[in-house]
């Protein structure tokens, strides 16, 4: 059975990680800035079995997935390492207000189901 969770996040930041991986081209950096990092407003996130789509990018080989609620904030965050287009990345997703508790619960259940050995 295929899994899919769609939600909209107000803040997403994608950057190269680890630093000993291949540099990103200026074209990739510009596209990420335009469609995700510096885009004002909401961004579409689709969580699938073993990958995450954010706007026009598909991120796979997910590891070190962290899901949490920061103290004193009405939001949830997910941070993870991944790959896309042969490149390595670290992604921070912030879902503010609204149904963030439901999204948090769904993300935790997704991680337990599809990444049971990821203890981070």
N, C-alpha and C. Protein backbone atom coordinates (compact mmCIF):
# COMPACT_ATOMS: atom_id res chain seq x y z
N UNK A 1 0.84 -1.18 0.00
CA UNK A 1 0.00 0.00 0.00
C UNK A 1 0.89 1.25 0.00
N UNK A 2 0.58 2.18 -0.86
CA UNK A 2 1.35 3.41 -0.95
C UNK A 2 0.86 4.42 0.07
N UNK A 3 1.80 5.18 0.59
CA UNK A 3 1.51 6.20 1.59
C UNK A 3 1.65 7.58 0.95
N UNK A 4 0.78 8.50 1.34
CA UNK A 4 0.89 9.87 0.89
C UNK A 4 0.29 10.81 1.93
N UNK A 5 1.08 11.78 2.33
CA UNK A 5 0.64 12.82 3.25
C UNK A 5 0.99 14.15 2.60
N UNK A 6 -0.01 14.96 2.36
CA UNK A 6 0.20 16.28 1.75
C UNK A 6 -0.11 17.36 2.77
N UNK A 7 0.76 18.36 2.83
CA UNK A 7 0.50 19.52 3.67
C UNK A 7 1.26 20.72 3.12
N UNK A 8 0.97 21.86 3.67
CA UNK A 8 1.64 23.08 3.24
C UNK A 8 2.46 23.62 4.39
N UNK A 9 3.70 23.98 4.10
CA UNK A 9 4.61 24.50 5.11
C UNK A 9 4.95 25.95 4.81
N UNK A 10 5.09 26.71 5.87
CA UNK A 10 5.38 28.13 5.71
C UNK A 10 6.87 28.41 5.53
N UNK A 11 7.69 27.54 6.07
CA UNK A 11 9.13 27.79 6.02
C UNK A 11 9.86 26.48 5.69
N UNK A 12 10.69 26.53 4.67
CA UNK A 12 11.52 25.38 4.30
C UNK A 12 12.89 25.91 3.89
N UNK A 13 13.91 25.23 4.35
CA UNK A 13 15.27 25.61 3.97
C UNK A 13 16.03 24.37 3.54
N UNK A 14 16.59 24.40 2.34
CA UNK A 14 17.36 23.29 1.77
C UNK A 14 18.79 23.78 1.58
N UNK A 15 19.75 23.02 2.13
CA UNK A 15 21.14 23.40 1.91
C UNK A 15 22.00 22.14 1.74
N UNK A 16 23.18 22.33 1.16
CA UNK A 16 24.09 21.22 0.89
C UNK A 16 24.65 20.69 2.21
N UNK A 17 24.60 19.39 2.36
CA UNK A 17 25.14 18.73 3.55
C UNK A 17 25.35 17.28 3.24
N UNK A 18 26.37 16.66 3.66
CA UNK A 18 27.53 17.23 4.33
C UNK A 18 28.39 18.06 3.39
N UNK A 19 29.29 18.84 3.97
CA UNK A 19 30.10 19.77 3.18
C UNK A 19 31.16 19.10 2.33
N UNK A 20 31.42 17.84 2.55
CA UNK A 20 32.41 17.13 1.74
C UNK A 20 31.77 16.45 0.53
N UNK A 21 30.55 16.84 0.19
CA UNK A 21 29.86 16.30 -0.99
C UNK A 21 30.00 17.28 -2.14
N UNK A 22 29.67 16.85 -3.36
CA UNK A 22 29.84 17.74 -4.53
C UNK A 22 29.11 19.07 -4.37
N UNK A 23 29.76 20.13 -4.85
CA UNK A 23 29.16 21.47 -4.85
C UNK A 23 27.92 21.48 -5.74
N UNK A 24 26.98 22.36 -5.42
CA UNK A 24 25.80 22.53 -6.24
C UNK A 24 26.08 23.58 -7.29
N UNK A 25 25.51 23.38 -8.46
CA UNK A 25 25.66 24.38 -9.53
C UNK A 25 24.87 25.64 -9.17
N UNK A 26 25.22 26.73 -9.80
CA UNK A 26 24.49 27.98 -9.57
C UNK A 26 23.05 27.83 -10.04
N UNK A 27 22.82 27.03 -11.07
CA UNK A 27 21.46 26.79 -11.56
C UNK A 27 20.60 26.11 -10.50
N UNK A 28 21.14 25.08 -9.85
CA UNK A 28 20.40 24.37 -8.79
C UNK A 28 20.14 25.31 -7.61
N UNK A 29 21.17 26.05 -7.18
CA UNK A 29 21.00 27.00 -6.07
C UNK A 29 19.91 28.02 -6.38
N UNK A 30 19.93 28.55 -7.58
CA UNK A 30 18.94 29.56 -7.98
C UNK A 30 17.54 28.97 -8.01
N UNK A 31 17.41 27.76 -8.55
CA UNK A 31 16.09 27.12 -8.60
C UNK A 31 15.56 26.84 -7.20
N UNK A 32 16.43 26.35 -6.30
CA UNK A 32 16.01 26.11 -4.91
C UNK A 32 15.60 27.41 -4.24
N UNK A 33 16.37 28.47 -4.44
CA UNK A 33 16.03 29.76 -3.84
C UNK A 33 14.70 30.28 -4.36
N UNK A 34 14.49 30.17 -5.65
CA UNK A 34 13.27 30.69 -6.27
C UNK A 34 12.03 29.91 -5.84
N UNK A 35 12.13 28.59 -5.81
CA UNK A 35 10.94 27.75 -5.57
C UNK A 35 10.75 27.32 -4.12
N UNK A 36 11.82 27.40 -3.29
CA UNK A 36 11.69 26.92 -1.90
C UNK A 36 12.29 27.90 -0.90
N UNK A 37 13.59 28.05 -0.90
CA UNK A 37 14.28 28.76 0.18
C UNK A 37 13.84 30.21 0.36
N UNK A 38 13.71 30.94 -0.71
CA UNK A 38 13.37 32.36 -0.61
C UNK A 38 11.96 32.67 -1.09
N UNK A 39 11.21 31.63 -1.40
CA UNK A 39 9.82 31.82 -1.84
C UNK A 39 8.99 32.28 -0.65
N UNK A 40 8.29 33.38 -0.83
CA UNK A 40 7.42 33.90 0.22
C UNK A 40 6.10 33.14 0.18
N UNK A 41 5.59 32.79 1.34
CA UNK A 41 4.31 32.10 1.41
C UNK A 41 4.48 30.60 1.60
N UNK A 42 3.42 29.90 1.32
CA UNK A 42 3.38 28.46 1.58
C UNK A 42 4.09 27.67 0.49
N UNK A 43 4.58 26.51 0.90
CA UNK A 43 5.21 25.57 -0.03
C UNK A 43 4.51 24.23 0.13
N UNK A 44 4.32 23.54 -0.97
CA UNK A 44 3.64 22.25 -0.96
C UNK A 44 4.62 21.12 -0.66
N UNK A 45 4.22 20.27 0.29
CA UNK A 45 5.03 19.14 0.70
C UNK A 45 4.19 17.88 0.53
N UNK A 46 4.77 16.87 -0.11
CA UNK A 46 4.10 15.57 -0.24
C UNK A 46 5.07 14.51 0.29
N UNK A 47 4.66 13.86 1.37
CA UNK A 47 5.46 12.80 1.98
C UNK A 47 4.96 11.48 1.42
N UNK A 48 5.87 10.72 0.81
CA UNK A 48 5.54 9.42 0.22
C UNK A 48 6.23 8.33 1.03
N UNK A 49 6.10 7.08 0.61
CA UNK A 49 6.70 5.96 1.35
C UNK A 49 8.14 6.25 1.77
N UNK A 50 8.99 6.54 0.80
CA UNK A 50 10.42 6.66 1.07
C UNK A 50 11.03 7.91 0.45
N UNK A 51 10.21 8.89 0.15
CA UNK A 51 10.71 10.13 -0.43
C UNK A 51 9.77 11.28 -0.05
N UNK A 52 10.27 12.51 -0.29
CA UNK A 52 9.47 13.69 -0.01
C UNK A 52 9.58 14.63 -1.20
N UNK A 53 8.44 15.07 -1.71
CA UNK A 53 8.40 16.05 -2.79
C UNK A 53 8.11 17.42 -2.18
N UNK A 54 8.93 18.39 -2.55
CA UNK A 54 8.70 19.77 -2.14
C UNK A 54 8.74 20.60 -3.41
N UNK A 55 7.60 21.22 -3.71
CA UNK A 55 7.47 21.97 -4.96
C UNK A 55 7.91 21.08 -6.12
N UNK A 56 8.92 21.49 -6.90
CA UNK A 56 9.34 20.72 -8.09
C UNK A 56 10.48 19.75 -7.83
N UNK A 57 10.82 19.52 -6.59
CA UNK A 57 11.97 18.65 -6.26
C UNK A 57 11.50 17.38 -5.57
N UNK A 58 12.18 16.27 -5.90
CA UNK A 58 11.93 15.00 -5.23
C UNK A 58 13.19 14.64 -4.45
N UNK A 59 13.04 14.46 -3.15
CA UNK A 59 14.14 14.13 -2.26
C UNK A 59 14.00 12.67 -1.83
N UNK A 60 15.10 11.92 -1.92
CA UNK A 60 15.07 10.49 -1.61
C UNK A 60 16.28 10.12 -0.77
N UNK A 61 16.44 8.83 -0.46
CA UNK A 61 17.51 8.34 0.41
C UNK A 61 17.53 9.12 1.73
N UNK A 62 16.37 9.22 2.35
CA UNK A 62 16.22 9.98 3.58
C UNK A 62 16.91 9.28 4.75
N UNK A 63 17.63 10.06 5.56
CA UNK A 63 18.26 9.53 6.78
C UNK A 63 18.23 10.63 7.85
N UNK A 64 18.50 10.22 9.08
CA UNK A 64 18.58 11.14 10.22
C UNK A 64 17.36 12.06 10.27
N UNK A 65 16.19 11.45 10.30
CA UNK A 65 14.92 12.18 10.29
C UNK A 65 14.55 12.58 11.72
N UNK A 66 14.41 13.87 11.94
CA UNK A 66 13.99 14.37 13.24
C UNK A 66 12.67 15.11 13.10
N UNK A 67 11.74 14.81 14.02
CA UNK A 67 10.41 15.43 13.99
C UNK A 67 10.12 15.93 15.40
N UNK A 68 9.77 17.21 15.54
CA UNK A 68 9.60 17.74 16.90
C UNK A 68 8.71 18.98 16.92
N UNK A 69 8.36 19.39 18.15
CA UNK A 69 7.68 20.65 18.40
C UNK A 69 8.62 21.47 19.27
N UNK A 70 9.02 22.65 18.80
CA UNK A 70 9.88 23.50 19.63
C UNK A 70 9.11 24.04 20.84
N UNK A 71 9.82 24.26 21.95
CA UNK A 71 9.18 24.83 23.13
C UNK A 71 8.54 26.18 22.81
N UNK A 72 7.35 26.39 23.36
CA UNK A 72 6.66 27.67 23.31
C UNK A 72 6.26 28.13 21.90
N UNK A 73 6.15 27.20 20.97
CA UNK A 73 5.77 27.56 19.60
C UNK A 73 4.62 26.67 19.15
N UNK A 74 3.73 27.24 18.36
CA UNK A 74 2.62 26.49 17.77
C UNK A 74 3.03 26.04 16.37
N UNK A 75 3.97 25.10 16.33
CA UNK A 75 4.49 24.61 15.06
C UNK A 75 5.17 23.27 15.27
N UNK A 76 5.35 22.54 14.17
CA UNK A 76 6.16 21.33 14.22
C UNK A 76 7.24 21.46 13.16
N UNK A 77 8.32 20.74 13.38
CA UNK A 77 9.46 20.80 12.47
C UNK A 77 9.91 19.39 12.12
N UNK A 78 10.39 19.27 10.90
CA UNK A 78 11.02 18.04 10.46
C UNK A 78 12.34 18.42 9.81
N UNK A 79 13.40 17.72 10.20
CA UNK A 79 14.73 17.95 9.66
C UNK A 79 15.27 16.59 9.22
N UNK A 80 15.90 16.55 8.05
CA UNK A 80 16.44 15.28 7.57
C UNK A 80 17.53 15.51 6.54
N UNK A 81 18.34 14.47 6.34
CA UNK A 81 19.33 14.46 5.27
C UNK A 81 18.76 13.62 4.14
N UNK A 82 19.19 13.95 2.90
CA UNK A 82 18.63 13.26 1.75
C UNK A 82 19.50 13.50 0.52
N UNK A 83 18.99 13.01 -0.61
CA UNK A 83 19.63 13.25 -1.90
C UNK A 83 18.57 13.69 -2.90
N UNK A 84 19.04 14.40 -3.94
CA UNK A 84 18.19 14.76 -5.07
C UNK A 84 19.10 15.03 -6.26
N UNK A 85 18.71 14.58 -7.40
CA UNK A 85 19.47 14.80 -8.63
C UNK A 85 20.96 14.49 -8.45
N UNK A 86 21.30 13.45 -7.69
CA UNK A 86 22.69 13.08 -7.48
C UNK A 86 23.43 13.97 -6.49
N UNK A 87 22.72 14.85 -5.81
CA UNK A 87 23.33 15.76 -4.85
C UNK A 87 22.84 15.46 -3.44
N UNK A 88 23.58 15.93 -2.45
CA UNK A 88 23.24 15.69 -1.05
C UNK A 88 22.70 16.96 -0.42
N UNK A 89 21.72 16.81 0.49
CA UNK A 89 21.08 17.97 1.10
C UNK A 89 20.65 17.69 2.53
N UNK A 90 20.43 18.78 3.24
CA UNK A 90 19.86 18.79 4.58
C UNK A 90 18.66 19.72 4.50
N UNK A 91 17.50 19.27 4.99
CA UNK A 91 16.28 20.04 4.81
C UNK A 91 15.60 20.29 6.15
N UNK A 92 15.14 21.52 6.34
CA UNK A 92 14.38 21.94 7.52
C UNK A 92 12.99 22.35 7.04
N UNK A 93 11.96 21.71 7.57
CA UNK A 93 10.57 22.04 7.20
C UNK A 93 9.85 22.50 8.47
N UNK A 94 9.18 23.63 8.40
CA UNK A 94 8.41 24.14 9.53
C UNK A 94 6.95 24.31 9.12
N UNK A 95 6.07 23.63 9.85
CA UNK A 95 4.62 23.76 9.67
C UNK A 95 4.09 24.55 10.86
N UNK A 96 3.57 25.75 10.60
CA UNK A 96 3.11 26.62 11.68
C UNK A 96 1.59 26.59 11.80
N UNK A 97 1.12 26.62 13.05
CA UNK A 97 -0.30 26.76 13.35
C UNK A 97 -1.19 25.74 12.68
N UNK A 98 -2.47 26.08 12.65
CA UNK A 98 -3.45 25.22 12.00
C UNK A 98 -3.44 23.81 12.55
N UNK A 99 -3.29 22.85 11.68
CA UNK A 99 -3.34 21.43 12.06
C UNK A 99 -1.94 20.85 12.31
N UNK A 100 -1.02 21.64 12.85
CA UNK A 100 0.35 21.18 13.02
C UNK A 100 0.46 19.97 13.94
N UNK A 101 -0.44 19.83 14.91
CA UNK A 101 -0.40 18.65 15.80
C UNK A 101 -0.76 17.39 15.01
N UNK A 102 -1.75 17.47 14.14
CA UNK A 102 -2.12 16.33 13.30
C UNK A 102 -0.99 15.97 12.35
N UNK A 103 -0.35 16.98 11.75
CA UNK A 103 0.77 16.74 10.85
C UNK A 103 1.91 16.08 11.62
N UNK A 104 2.21 16.58 12.81
CA UNK A 104 3.25 15.98 13.65
C UNK A 104 2.96 14.51 13.90
N UNK A 105 1.75 14.20 14.29
CA UNK A 105 1.35 12.82 14.57
C UNK A 105 1.49 11.95 13.32
N UNK A 106 1.04 12.46 12.19
CA UNK A 106 1.14 11.71 10.94
C UNK A 106 2.60 11.48 10.53
N UNK A 107 3.45 12.49 10.71
CA UNK A 107 4.86 12.35 10.36
C UNK A 107 5.56 11.34 11.26
N UNK A 108 5.24 11.34 12.54
CA UNK A 108 5.83 10.36 13.46
C UNK A 108 5.41 8.95 13.08
N UNK A 109 4.14 8.76 12.76
CA UNK A 109 3.65 7.44 12.34
C UNK A 109 4.33 7.01 11.03
N UNK A 110 4.49 7.93 10.08
CA UNK A 110 5.18 7.65 8.81
C UNK A 110 6.62 7.21 9.07
N UNK A 111 7.32 7.95 9.93
CA UNK A 111 8.72 7.61 10.21
C UNK A 111 8.83 6.22 10.86
N UNK A 112 7.96 5.92 11.81
CA UNK A 112 7.98 4.61 12.47
C UNK A 112 7.70 3.48 11.48
N UNK A 113 6.83 3.73 10.53
CA UNK A 113 6.44 2.71 9.56
C UNK A 113 7.52 2.47 8.51
N UNK A 114 8.05 3.54 7.93
CA UNK A 114 8.95 3.40 6.79
C UNK A 114 10.44 3.54 7.13
N UNK A 115 10.75 4.05 8.31
CA UNK A 115 12.15 4.22 8.72
C UNK A 115 12.33 3.77 10.17
N UNK A 116 11.95 2.52 10.48
CA UNK A 116 11.97 2.07 11.87
C UNK A 116 13.38 2.03 12.49
N UNK A 117 14.41 1.92 11.66
CA UNK A 117 15.77 1.83 12.18
C UNK A 117 16.47 3.19 12.28
N UNK A 118 15.80 4.24 11.88
CA UNK A 118 16.37 5.59 11.96
C UNK A 118 16.12 6.11 13.37
N UNK A 119 17.14 6.05 14.20
CA UNK A 119 16.97 6.41 15.61
C UNK A 119 17.24 7.87 15.90
N UNK A 120 17.50 8.66 14.89
CA UNK A 120 17.79 10.08 15.10
C UNK A 120 16.53 10.89 15.19
